[in-house]
C-alpha atoms as a PDB file:
ATOM      1  CA  MET A   1      95.800 107.341 104.538  1.00  0.00           C
ATOM      2  CA  GLU A   2      97.149 105.831 108.145  1.00  0.00           C
ATOM      3  CA  PHE A   3     101.097 104.627 108.915  1.00  0.00           C
ATOM      4  CA  ILE A   4     102.736 104.233 111.950  1.00  0.00           C
ATOM      5  CA  ASP A   5     106.318 104.305 111.619  1.00  0.00           C
ATOM      6  CA  THR A   6     107.756 101.290 114.078  1.00  0.00           C
ATOM      7  CA  HIS A   7     111.368 102.411 114.709  1.00  0.00           C
ATOM      8  CA  THR A   8     112.065 106.247 114.271  1.00  0.00           C
ATOM      9  CA  HIS A   9     114.991 107.723 116.270  1.00  0.00           C
ATOM     10  CA  ILE A  10     113.410 112.059 115.552  1.00  0.00           C
ATOM     11  CA  TYR A  11     115.051 111.757 119.624  1.00  0.00           C
ATOM     12  CA  THR A  12     118.553 112.190 118.226  1.00  0.00           C
ATOM     13  CA  GLU A  13     120.316 115.903 117.890  1.00  0.00           C
ATOM     14  CA  ASP A  14     119.857 115.603 114.163  1.00  0.00           C
ATOM     15  CA  PHE A  15     116.320 116.734 115.045  1.00  0.00           C
ATOM     16  CA  ASP A  16     117.008 119.552 117.933  1.00  0.00           C
ATOM     17  CA  GLN A  17     116.283 122.397 115.576  1.00  0.00           C
ATOM     18  CA  ASP A  18     113.491 121.386 113.997  1.00  0.00           C
ATOM     19  CA  ILE A  19     111.681 118.336 115.378  1.00  0.00           C
ATOM     20  CA  ASN A  20     108.299 120.203 115.673  1.00  0.00           C
ATOM     21  CA  LEU A  21     108.067 120.864 111.929  1.00  0.00           C
ATOM     22  CA  VAL A  22     109.336 117.254 111.482  1.00  0.00           C
ATOM     23  CA  ILE A  23     106.517 115.743 113.356  1.00  0.00           C
ATOM     24  CA  GLU A  24     103.909 117.928 112.076  1.00  0.00           C
ATOM     25  CA  ARG A  25     104.640 116.770 108.448  1.00  0.00           C
ATOM     26  CA  ALA A  26     104.337 113.498 109.482  1.00  0.00           C
ATOM     27  CA  LYS A  27     101.140 114.221 111.239  1.00  0.00           C
ATOM     28  CA  GLU A  28      99.730 115.957 107.977  1.00  0.00           C
ATOM     29  CA  ALA A  29     100.891 113.042 105.936  1.00  0.00           C
ATOM     30  CA  GLY A  30      99.052 110.528 107.744  1.00  0.00           C
ATOM     31  CA  ALA A  31     101.078 109.439 110.349  1.00  0.00           C
ATOM     32  CA  ARG A  32      98.729 107.982 113.408  1.00  0.00           C
ATOM     33  CA  ALA A  33     102.256 106.883 115.716  1.00  0.00           C
ATOM     34  CA  LEU A  34     105.648 107.121 115.725  1.00  0.00           C
ATOM     35  CA  LEU A  35     107.371 104.318 117.727  1.00  0.00           C
ATOM     36  CA  LEU A  36     111.139 105.324 119.368  1.00  0.00           C
ATOM     37  CA  PRO A  37     113.627 102.662 120.642  1.00  0.00           C
ATOM     38  CA  ASN A  38     115.913 103.526 123.214  1.00  0.00           C
ATOM     39  CA  ILE A  39     119.652 102.862 122.763  1.00  0.00           C
ATOM     40  CA  ASN A  40     121.249 103.699 125.707  1.00  0.00           C
ATOM     41  CA  GLU A  41     121.038 105.254 128.990  1.00  0.00           C
ATOM     42  CA  GLY A  42     121.695 109.017 127.654  1.00  0.00           C
ATOM     43  CA  SER A  43     118.474 108.144 125.032  1.00  0.00           C
ATOM     44  CA  ILE A  44     115.476 107.496 128.094  1.00  0.00           C
ATOM     45  CA  GLU A  45     115.179 111.236 129.049  1.00  0.00           C
ATOM     46  CA  ARG A  46     115.359 112.207 125.169  1.00  0.00           C
ATOM     47  CA  ILE A  47     112.718 109.842 123.808  1.00  0.00           C
ATOM     48  CA  ALA A  48     110.535 110.510 128.020  1.00  0.00           C
ATOM     49  CA  THR A  49     110.590 114.118 126.622  1.00  0.00           C
ATOM     50  CA  LEU A  50     109.499 113.493 123.139  1.00  0.00           C
ATOM     51  CA  CYS A  51     106.930 111.530 124.335  1.00  0.00           C
ATOM     52  CA  ARG A  52     105.729 114.089 126.948  1.00  0.00           C
ATOM     53  CA  ASP A  53     105.467 116.657 124.160  1.00  0.00           C
ATOM     54  CA  TRP A  54     103.591 114.509 121.685  1.00  0.00           C
ATOM     55  CA  PRO A  55     101.354 112.546 123.476  1.00  0.00           C
ATOM     56  CA  GLN A  56      99.234 109.201 122.029  1.00  0.00           C
ATOM     57  CA  LEU A  57     101.973 109.988 118.892  1.00  0.00           C
ATOM     58  CA  CYS A  58     104.995 109.095 119.942  1.00  0.00           C
ATOM     59  CA  TYR A  59     105.414 105.833 122.222  1.00  0.00           C
ATOM     60  CA  PRO A  60     108.888 104.576 123.941  1.00  0.00           C
ATOM     61  CA  MET A  61     110.812 101.627 123.953  1.00  0.00           C
ATOM     62  CA  MET A  62     112.580 100.375 126.410  1.00  0.00           C
ATOM     63  CA  GLY A  63     115.793  98.716 125.816  1.00  0.00           C
ATOM     64  CA  LEU A  64     119.839  98.754 125.020  1.00  0.00           C
ATOM     65  CA  HIS A  65     121.138  98.553 121.550  1.00  0.00           C
ATOM     66  CA  PRO A  66     123.623  95.744 121.086  1.00  0.00           C
ATOM     67  CA  THR A  67     126.462  98.182 119.792  1.00  0.00           C
ATOM     68  CA  ASP A  68     125.994 100.299 123.252  1.00  0.00           C
ATOM     69  CA  VAL A  69     126.534  96.824 125.381  1.00  0.00           C
ATOM     70  CA  THR A  70     130.124  96.978 127.550  1.00  0.00           C
ATOM     71  CA  LYS A  71     131.657  94.863 130.342  1.00  0.00           C
ATOM     72  CA  ASP A  72     129.602  96.767 132.670  1.00  0.00           C
ATOM     73  CA  PHE A  73     125.773  96.219 130.785  1.00  0.00           C
ATOM     74  CA  GLU A  74     124.386  94.586 134.015  1.00  0.00           C
ATOM     75  CA  ALA A  75     124.401  97.397 136.110  1.00  0.00           C
ATOM     76  CA  LEU A  76     122.651  99.604 133.037  1.00  0.00           C
ATOM     77  CA  LEU A  77     120.054  97.032 132.380  1.00  0.00           C
ATOM     78  CA  GLN A  78     119.335  96.810 135.988  1.00  0.00           C
ATOM     79  CA  LYS A  79     118.440 100.379 135.973  1.00  0.00           C
ATOM     80  CA  MET A  80     116.244  99.875 133.004  1.00  0.00           C
ATOM     81  CA  GLU A  81     114.119  97.026 134.056  1.00  0.00           C
ATOM     82  CA  GLN A  82     113.614  99.286 136.906  1.00  0.00           C
ATOM     83  CA  LYS A  83     111.731 101.290 134.499  1.00  0.00           C
ATOM     84  CA  LEU A  84     109.251  98.252 133.497  1.00  0.00           C
ATOM     85  CA  GLU A  85     108.713  98.021 136.595  1.00  0.00           C
ATOM     86  CA  GLU A  86     106.945 100.750 137.558  1.00  0.00           C
ATOM     87  CA  PRO A  87     102.889 100.397 137.136  1.00  0.00           C
ATOM     88  CA  ASN A  88     101.335 101.953 134.306  1.00  0.00           C
ATOM     89  CA  HIS A  89     104.764 102.299 132.709  1.00  0.00           C
ATOM     90  CA  PRO A  90     104.380 103.933 128.810  1.00  0.00           C
ATOM     91  CA  PHE A  91     106.849 102.061 127.066  1.00  0.00           C
ATOM     92  CA  VAL A  92     105.042  99.814 124.028  1.00  0.00           C
ATOM     93  CA  ALA A  93     108.195  97.167 123.029  1.00  0.00           C
ATOM     94  CA  ILE A  94     111.535  95.684 124.566  1.00  0.00           C
ATOM     95  CA  GLY A  95     113.834  97.800 121.812  1.00  0.00           C
ATOM     96  CA  GLU A  96     116.273  98.355 120.021  1.00  0.00           C
ATOM     97  CA  ILE A  97     117.683  94.954 120.979  1.00  0.00           C
ATOM     98  CA  GLY A  98     119.589  92.181 119.806  1.00  0.00           C
ATOM     99  CA  ILE A  99     123.390  91.637 118.103  1.00  0.00           C
ATOM    100  CA  ASP A 100     125.550  93.614 115.901  1.00  0.00           C
ATOM    101  CA  LEU A 101     129.140  91.914 114.789  1.00  0.00           C
ATOM    102  CA  TYR A 102     129.790  94.110 111.516  1.00  0.00           C
ATOM    103  CA  TRP A 103     132.073  96.538 113.452  1.00  0.00           C
ATOM    104  CA  ASP A 104     133.103  94.521 116.491  1.00  0.00           C
ATOM    105  CA  THR A 105     133.105  90.938 117.399  1.00  0.00           C
ATOM    106  CA  SER A 106     134.983  91.432 120.742  1.00  0.00           C
ATOM    107  CA  MET A 107     131.636  92.384 122.543  1.00  0.00           C
ATOM    108  CA  GLN A 108     129.817  89.082 121.171  1.00  0.00           C
ATOM    109  CA  LYS A 109     129.258  86.897 124.451  1.00  0.00           C
ATOM    110  CA  GLU A 110     128.596  90.077 126.260  1.00  0.00           C
ATOM    111  CA  GLN A 111     125.819  91.376 123.507  1.00  0.00           C
ATOM    112  CA  GLU A 112     124.157  87.595 123.476  1.00  0.00           C
ATOM    113  CA  GLU A 113     123.868  87.497 127.182  1.00  0.00           C
ATOM    114  CA  ALA A 114     122.264  91.062 127.158  1.00  0.00           C
ATOM    115  CA  PHE A 115     119.821  90.000 124.204  1.00  0.00           C
ATOM    116  CA  LYS A 116     119.046  87.009 126.257  1.00  0.00           C
ATOM    117  CA  ARG A 117     118.205  89.597 129.860  1.00  0.00           C
ATOM    118  CA  GLN A 118     116.278  91.641 127.786  1.00  0.00           C
ATOM    119  CA  ILE A 119     114.106  88.558 125.387  1.00  0.00           C
ATOM    120  CA  GLU A 120     113.235  87.849 129.035  1.00  0.00           C
ATOM    121  CA  TRP A 121     112.253  91.287 130.085  1.00  0.00           C
ATOM    122  CA  GLY A 122     109.350  90.933 126.967  1.00  0.00           C
ATOM    123  CA  ILE A 123     108.243  87.037 128.383  1.00  0.00           C
ATOM    124  CA  LYS A 124     107.920  88.730 132.117  1.00  0.00           C
ATOM    125  CA  TYR A 125     106.283  92.157 131.200  1.00  0.00           C
ATOM    126  CA  ASP A 126     104.184  91.016 128.190  1.00  0.00           C
ATOM    127  CA  LEU A 127     105.963  93.166 126.166  1.00  0.00           C
ATOM    128  CA  PRO A 128     107.050  92.847 122.005  1.00  0.00           C
ATOM    129  CA  LEU A 129     110.411  92.525 121.086  1.00  0.00           C
ATOM    130  CA  VAL A 130     112.218  94.923 118.823  1.00  0.00           C
ATOM    131  CA  ILE A 131     115.390  93.219 117.370  1.00  0.00           C
ATOM    132  CA  HIS A 132     118.267  94.762 115.472  1.00  0.00           C
ATOM    133  CA  SER A 133     120.712  91.646 113.901  1.00  0.00           C
ATOM    134  CA  ARG A 134     123.731  92.811 111.571  1.00  0.00           C
ATOM    135  CA  ASN A 135     126.028  90.356 110.671  1.00  0.00           C
ATOM    136  CA  ALA A 136     123.978  87.777 113.106  1.00  0.00           C
ATOM    137  CA  HIS A 137     121.561  86.188 111.818  1.00  0.00           C
ATOM    138  CA  ARG A 138     122.550  83.012 113.179  1.00  0.00           C
ATOM    139  CA  GLU A 139     123.479  84.026 116.248  1.00  0.00           C
ATOM    140  CA  ILE A 140     119.867  86.345 116.449  1.00  0.00           C
ATOM    141  CA  VAL A 141     118.127  82.816 116.145  1.00  0.00           C
ATOM    142  CA  GLU A 142     119.939  80.270 118.029  1.00  0.00           C
ATOM    143  CA  THR A 143     119.781  82.870 120.987  1.00  0.00           C
ATOM    144  CA  LEU A 144     116.122  83.372 120.439  1.00  0.00           C
ATOM    145  CA  SER A 145     114.094  80.073 119.592  1.00  0.00           C
ATOM    146  CA  PRO A 146     114.659  78.743 122.950  1.00  0.00           C
ATOM    147  CA  TYR A 147     112.060  81.457 123.907  1.00  0.00           C
ATOM    148  CA  ALA A 148     110.036  80.893 120.692  1.00  0.00           C
ATOM    149  CA  GLU A 149     106.494  79.539 122.458  1.00  0.00           C
ATOM    150  CA  LYS A 150     106.792  82.368 125.001  1.00  0.00           C
ATOM    151  CA  LEU A 151     107.459  85.130 123.137  1.00  0.00           C
ATOM    152  CA  GLN A 152     104.262  87.473 122.574  1.00  0.00           C
ATOM    153  CA  GLY A 153     105.931  88.952 119.128  1.00  0.00           C
ATOM    154  CA  GLY A 154     107.718  91.670 117.683  1.00  0.00           C
ATOM    155  CA  ILE A 155     109.560  92.818 114.856  1.00  0.00           C
ATOM    156  CA  PHE A 156     112.880  92.273 112.939  1.00  0.00           C
ATOM    157  CA  HIS A 157     114.235  95.581 112.595  1.00  0.00           C
ATOM    158  CA  CYS A 158     115.633  96.967 109.372  1.00  0.00           C
ATOM    159  CA  PHE A 159     115.463  93.607 107.614  1.00  0.00           C
ATOM    160  CA  SER A 160     117.829  92.926 104.703  1.00  0.00           C
ATOM    161  CA  GLY A 161     118.855  89.202 104.664  1.00  0.00           C
ATOM    162  CA  THR A 162     118.632  86.503 102.574  1.00  0.00           C
ATOM    163  CA  GLU A 163     115.538  84.751 101.004  1.00  0.00           C
ATOM    164  CA  ASN A 164     116.103  81.412 103.285  1.00  0.00           C
ATOM    165  CA  GLU A 165     116.875  83.850 106.405  1.00  0.00           C
ATOM    166  CA  ALA A 166     113.226  85.580 105.689  1.00  0.00           C
ATOM    167  CA  GLU A 167     111.636  82.480 105.661  1.00  0.00           C
ATOM    168  CA  GLU A 168     113.510  80.849 108.697  1.00  0.00           C
ATOM    169  CA  LEU A 169     112.365  83.770 110.865  1.00  0.00           C
ATOM    170  CA  LEU A 170     108.753  84.154 109.669  1.00  0.00           C
ATOM    171  CA  SER A 171     108.914  80.083 110.169  1.00  0.00           C
ATOM    172  CA  LYS A 172     110.796  79.542 113.890  1.00  0.00           C
ATOM    173  CA  PHE A 173     108.983  83.186 115.189  1.00  0.00           C
ATOM    174  CA  PRO A 174     105.351  83.173 114.119  1.00  0.00           C
ATOM    175  CA  GLY A 175     104.540  86.174 115.882  1.00  0.00           C
ATOM    176  CA  PHE A 176     107.004  88.242 114.722  1.00  0.00           C
ATOM    177  CA  CYS A 177     106.947  90.933 111.462  1.00  0.00           C
ATOM    178  CA  LEU A 178     109.545  91.805 109.361  1.00  0.00           C
ATOM    179  CA  GLY A 179     110.774  95.926 109.518  1.00  0.00           C
ATOM    180  CA  ILE A 180     110.965  97.114 106.094  1.00  0.00           C
ATOM    181  CA  GLY A 181     112.176 100.866 105.024  1.00  0.00           C
ATOM    182  CA  GLY A 182     114.061 102.947 102.911  1.00  0.00           C
ATOM    183  CA  THR A 183     116.591 100.403 101.638  1.00  0.00           C
ATOM    184  CA  LEU A 184     113.374  98.765  99.929  1.00  0.00           C
ATOM    185  CA  THR A 185     113.692 101.765  97.224  1.00  0.00           C
ATOM    186  CA  PHE A 186     117.615 101.309  96.855  1.00  0.00           C
ATOM    187  CA  LYS A 187     118.407 100.712  92.986  1.00  0.00           C
ATOM    188  CA  LYS A 188     120.524  97.441  93.495  1.00  0.00           C
ATOM    189  CA  SER A 189     118.131  95.727  96.600  1.00  0.00           C
ATOM    190  CA  GLU A 190     116.832  92.636  96.164  1.00  0.00           C
ATOM    191  CA  LEU A 191     114.545  92.642  98.746  1.00  0.00           C
ATOM    192  CA  PRO A 192     111.556  93.869  96.447  1.00  0.00           C
ATOM    193  CA  SER A 193     112.099  90.221  94.565  1.00  0.00           C
ATOM    194  CA  ILE A 194     112.356  88.518  98.828  1.00  0.00           C
ATOM    195  CA  LEU A 195     109.393  90.025  99.459  1.00  0.00           C
ATOM    196  CA  LYS A 196     107.379  88.574  96.825  1.00  0.00           C
ATOM    197  CA  ARG A 197     108.595  85.483  96.651  1.00  0.00           C
ATOM    198  CA  VAL A 198     108.880  84.404 100.449  1.00  0.00           C
ATOM    199  CA  VAL A 199     107.209  87.383 102.469  1.00  0.00           C
ATOM    200  CA  PRO A 200     103.102  88.133 102.914  1.00  0.00           C
ATOM    201  CA  VAL A 201     102.176  91.213 103.249  1.00  0.00           C
ATOM    202  CA  ASP A 202     100.435  90.565 106.972  1.00  0.00           C
ATOM    203  CA  ARG A 203     104.047  89.642 108.117  1.00  0.00           C
ATOM    204  CA  ILE A 204     105.784  93.401 107.111  1.00  0.00           C
ATOM    205  CA  VAL A 205     105.728  96.510 109.385  1.00  0.00           C
ATOM    206  CA  VAL A 206     107.458  99.665 108.096  1.00  0.00           C
ATOM    207  CA  GLU A 207     109.866 102.297 109.526  1.00  0.00           C
ATOM    208  CA  THR A 208     112.222 104.654 108.893  1.00  0.00           C
ATOM    209  CA  ASP A 209     115.083 104.168 111.243  1.00  0.00           C
ATOM    210  CA  ALA A 210     115.640 108.001 110.991  1.00  0.00           C
ATOM    211  CA  PRO A 211     117.413 109.643 110.738  1.00  0.00           C
ATOM    212  CA  TYR A 212     119.421 106.889 108.730  1.00  0.00           C
ATOM    213  CA  LEU A 213     118.335 105.199 105.716  1.00  0.00           C
ATOM    214  CA  ALA A 214     116.358 107.230 103.812  1.00  0.00           C
ATOM    215  CA  PRO A 215     114.979 106.453 100.844  1.00  0.00           C
ATOM    216  CA  VAL A 216     115.148 107.322  97.116  1.00  0.00           C
ATOM    217  CA  PRO A 217     114.759 109.701  96.064  1.00  0.00           C
ATOM    218  CA  TYR A 218     116.470 111.082  99.721  1.00  0.00           C
ATOM    219  CA  ARG A 219     118.917 108.837  99.534  1.00  0.00           C
ATOM    220  CA  GLY A 220     122.010 110.226 101.656  1.00  0.00           C
ATOM    221  CA  LYS A 221     119.857 112.590 103.283  1.00  0.00           C
ATOM    222  CA  ARG A 222     118.318 112.721 106.487  1.00  0.00           C
ATOM    223  CA  ASN A 223     115.541 110.200 106.856  1.00  0.00           C
ATOM    224  CA  GLU A 224     112.277 111.815 108.993  1.00  0.00           C
ATOM    225  CA  PRO A 225     108.537 109.807 109.005  1.00  0.00           C
ATOM    226  CA  ILE A 226     106.686 111.259 106.437  1.00  0.00           C
ATOM    227  CA  PHE A 227     109.310 109.341 103.927  1.00  0.00           C
ATOM    228  CA  LEU A 228     107.961 106.316 104.687  1.00  0.00           C
ATOM    229  CA  LEU A 229     105.363 107.613 101.984  1.00  0.00           C
ATOM    230  CA  TYR A 230     108.092 106.333  99.687  1.00  0.00           C
ATOM    231  CA  VAL A 231     108.828 102.822 100.962  1.00  0.00           C
ATOM    232  CA  LEU A 232     104.764 102.475 100.998  1.00  0.00           C
ATOM    233  CA  GLU A 233     104.451 103.504  97.532  1.00  0.00           C
ATOM    234  CA  LYS A 234     107.808 100.563  96.506  1.00  0.00           C
ATOM    235  CA  LEU A 235     105.435  98.029  98.755  1.00  0.00           C
ATOM    236  CA  ALA A 236     102.529  98.735  96.678  1.00  0.00           C
ATOM    237  CA  GLU A 237     104.058  98.150  93.776  1.00  0.00           C
ATOM    238  CA  ILE A 238     105.573  94.893  94.838  1.00  0.00           C
ATOM    239  CA  TYR A 239     102.527  93.687  96.254  1.00  0.00           C
ATOM    240  CA  GLU A 240     100.361  95.437  93.170  1.00  0.00           C
ATOM    241  CA  MET A 241      98.240  96.525  95.622  1.00  0.00           C
ATOM    242  CA  PRO A 242      96.699 100.113  96.230  1.00  0.00           C
ATOM    243  CA  VAL A 243      99.041 102.273  98.146  1.00  0.00           C
ATOM    244  CA  GLU A 244      96.058 102.771 100.868  1.00  0.00           C
ATOM    245  CA  GLU A 245      95.813  99.024 101.728  1.00  0.00           C
ATOM    246  CA  ILE A 246      99.470  98.744 101.836  1.00  0.00           C
ATOM    247  CA  ALA A 247      99.401 101.301 104.430  1.00  0.00           C
ATOM    248  CA  ARG A 248      96.299  99.963 106.288  1.00  0.00           C
ATOM    249  CA  ILE A 249      97.579  96.295 105.961  1.00  0.00           C
ATOM    250  CA  THR A 250     101.072  97.209 107.824  1.00  0.00           C
ATOM    251  CA  THR A 251      99.266  99.796 110.227  1.00  0.00           C
ATOM    252  CA  ARG A 252      96.823  96.940 111.636  1.00  0.00           C
ATOM    253  CA  ASN A 253     100.051  94.361 111.644  1.00  0.00           C
ATOM    254  CA  ALA A 254     101.976  97.150 113.975  1.00  0.00           C
ATOM    255  CA  CYS A 255      99.034  97.443 116.309  1.00  0.00           C
ATOM    256  CA  GLY A 256      98.565  93.732 116.194  1.00  0.00           C
ATOM    257  CA  ILE A 257     102.409  93.408 117.852  1.00  0.00           C
ATOM    258  CA  CYS A 258     101.915  96.833 120.149  1.00  0.00           C
ATOM    259  CA  PRO A 259      98.618  96.435 121.546  1.00  0.00           C
ATOM    260  CA  MET A 260      99.679  99.346 123.635  1.00  0.00           C
ATOM    261  CA  ILE A 261      99.081 101.968 120.870  1.00  0.00           C
ATOM    262  CA  ASP A 262      95.570 101.140 120.300  1.00  0.00           C
ATOM    263  CA  ASN A 263      95.151 101.076 124.582  1.00  0.00           C
ATOM    264  CA  GLN A 264      96.700 104.399 125.638  1.00  0.00           C
END
């Protein structure tokens, strides 16, 4: 059985002591690819190092996380875009980008402008988008909609919205999938019923967001790619399909969004 973790931060300090063991565990469990979303300037080289150490397994994205957007974000975006302009760059997606109004709304204007700029990267460089949205569904839809017909596709990372929000995202952005992770297994999660009612399995990819959001039975502990097996098992229960089939479909979905995985 193969799977792809479409969103994992295993390059952070949380994994400095045992990163090779973490990756070996994932490989032995069936990991075909681990996609690494960038966050800020400091994470660029950490991601690059991991991708050099584990070629054809770890794949980098390029983007500026919304909570790392500052008043002078434009200078940093220029540096990031220079890397996208390099011939034969390794980046498989633009991410992790978006809008986050959960903790602080004071930078909303800057976040929206940075999001627009990076959406335009996706169009310019023909790359999918990996979108972070927290307390910002309406802002995400309104910012993304003018570009809808030009987008290659992408992933709405860590989807945790309502049934109506899921339907809106899937209908307005047909090239996108919902990223589903450990929260699906939480006892009070409404995601299982939402997925069963309105989300076809061919619009889902799986992700850990490691080291965050570990699934039951590891909730509260450090997450890692091998724990995707619990997410796949829960999806198999929801869609009443063999877990191997869920893994095959979600892997196919991820490769469809990020074709560079198969081309490298």
